[in-house]
Protein backbone atom coordinates (compact mmCIF):
# COMPACT_ATOMS: atom_id res chain seq x y z
CA MET A 1 -4.85 -27.00 7.31
CA ILE A 2 -4.16 -28.19 3.75
CA ALA A 3 -7.16 -26.19 2.52
CA ASP A 4 -5.86 -23.03 4.24
CA VAL A 5 -2.40 -23.39 2.70
CA THR A 6 -3.94 -24.10 -0.71
CA VAL A 7 -6.11 -20.96 -0.57
CA PHE A 8 -3.13 -18.90 0.61
CA VAL A 9 -0.83 -20.11 -2.17
CA LEU A 10 -3.51 -19.72 -4.84
CA SER A 11 -4.29 -16.18 -3.66
CA LEU A 12 -0.58 -15.31 -3.87
CA LEU A 13 -0.36 -16.67 -7.41
CA VAL A 14 -3.56 -14.98 -8.60
CA GLY A 15 -2.58 -11.67 -6.98
CA PHE A 16 0.86 -11.73 -8.56
CA GLU A 17 -0.59 -12.61 -11.97
CA VAL A 18 -3.18 -9.82 -11.85
CA ILE A 19 -0.74 -7.13 -10.67
CA SER A 20 1.98 -8.11 -13.13
CA LYS A 21 -0.39 -7.56 -16.08
CA VAL A 22 -1.16 -3.92 -15.10
CA PRO A 23 0.79 -1.35 -17.16
CA THR A 24 3.07 0.97 -15.19
CA THR A 25 1.05 4.07 -16.12
CA LEU A 26 -2.11 2.60 -14.60
CA HIS A 27 -0.60 1.10 -11.48
CA THR A 28 -0.70 4.24 -9.30
CA PRO A 29 -4.36 5.17 -9.97
CA LEU A 30 -5.45 1.57 -9.54
CA MET A 31 -3.45 1.26 -6.33
CA SER A 32 -5.05 4.33 -4.84
CA ALA A 33 -8.53 3.19 -5.87
CA ALA A 34 -8.04 -0.27 -4.36
CA ASN A 35 -7.36 0.84 -0.77
CA ALA A 36 -10.90 -0.07 0.31
CA ILE A 37 -10.48 -3.57 -1.12
CA HIS A 38 -7.21 -3.93 0.77
CA GLY A 39 -9.02 -3.02 3.99
CA ILE A 40 -11.52 -5.79 3.31
CA VAL A 41 -8.66 -8.23 2.71
CA LEU A 42 -7.17 -7.23 6.07
CA ALA A 43 -10.54 -7.77 7.79
CA GLY A 44 -10.78 -11.21 6.16
CA ALA A 45 -7.27 -12.10 7.28
CA LEU A 46 -8.18 -11.14 10.84
CA LEU A 47 -11.31 -13.30 10.70
CA ILE A 48 -9.25 -16.24 9.46
CA ALA A 49 -6.74 -15.58 12.28
CA ALA A 50 -9.57 -15.92 14.79
CA THR A 51 -10.22 -19.48 13.58
CA ALA A 52 -6.58 -20.62 13.82
CA ASP A 53 -6.04 -23.40 16.33
CA ASP A 54 -2.48 -24.65 15.81
CA PRO A 55 0.98 -23.03 15.46
CA ALA A 56 1.05 -23.39 11.68
CA GLY A 57 -2.36 -21.74 11.43
CA TYR A 58 -1.16 -18.89 13.63
CA ALA A 59 1.93 -18.42 11.46
CA LEU A 60 -0.15 -18.45 8.27
CA ALA A 61 -2.67 -16.01 9.77
CA PHE A 62 0.16 -13.72 10.88
CA ALA A 63 1.66 -13.75 7.37
CA ALA A 64 -1.74 -13.00 5.82
CA CYS A 65 -2.36 -10.11 8.24
CA ALA A 66 1.15 -8.73 7.71
CA PHE A 67 0.85 -8.81 3.91
CA ALA A 68 -2.62 -7.27 3.99
CA ALA A 69 -1.48 -4.50 6.36
CA LEU A 70 1.55 -3.76 4.18
CA ASN A 71 -0.76 -3.57 1.19
CA VAL A 72 -3.04 -1.04 2.93
CA VAL A 73 -0.15 1.14 4.13
CA GLY A 74 1.55 0.97 0.74
CA GLY A 75 -1.65 1.96 -1.02
CA TYR A 76 -2.10 5.04 1.12
CA THR A 77 1.57 5.96 0.75
CA VAL A 78 1.36 5.75 -3.03
CA THR A 79 -1.85 7.79 -3.00
CA ASP A 80 -0.24 10.47 -0.84
CA ARG A 81 2.76 10.69 -3.16
CA MET A 82 0.51 10.87 -6.19
CA LEU A 83 -1.59 13.65 -4.68
CA GLU A 84 1.57 15.53 -3.65
CA MET A 85 2.30 16.06 -7.34
CA PHE A 86 -0.89 18.10 -7.71
CA ARG A 87 -0.46 20.33 -4.64
CA PRO A 88 0.93 23.83 -5.18
CA HIS A 89 4.44 24.29 -3.87
CA ARG A 90 4.90 27.01 -1.27
CA GLU A 91 8.09 28.97 -0.94
CA THR A 92 9.86 28.67 2.37
CA PRO A 93 10.62 31.94 4.19
CA GLU A 94 14.33 31.58 3.37
CA LYS A 95 13.67 31.27 -0.35
CA ALA A 96 11.23 34.18 -0.28
CA ARG A 97 13.86 36.39 1.38
CA GLU A 98 16.53 35.33 -1.11
CA GLY A 99 14.26 36.18 -4.02
CA SER A 100 13.39 39.64 -2.67
CA ARG A 101 17.02 40.87 -2.37
CA PRO A 102 18.99 39.83 -5.44
CA GLU A 103 21.72 42.41 -4.82
CA GLU A 104 22.87 40.58 -1.67
CA ARG A 105 23.56 37.31 -3.46
CA PRO A 106 27.27 36.41 -3.91
């Protein structure tokens, strides 16, 4: 149990240290490129959860799975927002009608 908590705390510290050193301009591309790694982290957390045998181990495994899942979902959300910037914007039918009849505007 002590070894599990030690690995968990060290992984939190290393993860925080690595992410805090990334410049803001590089964070989004790196986040979108790291989604596969986050999936592997989630798979590892699930494997560790399978070996839990006491309530503290279950709680630690749940926290690891929750953080890994949040990381995966957040990565895909950031990627979607980043890609949205490069998609062409379509006019809605209301805006197209407004633009075609300027004499009817108040």
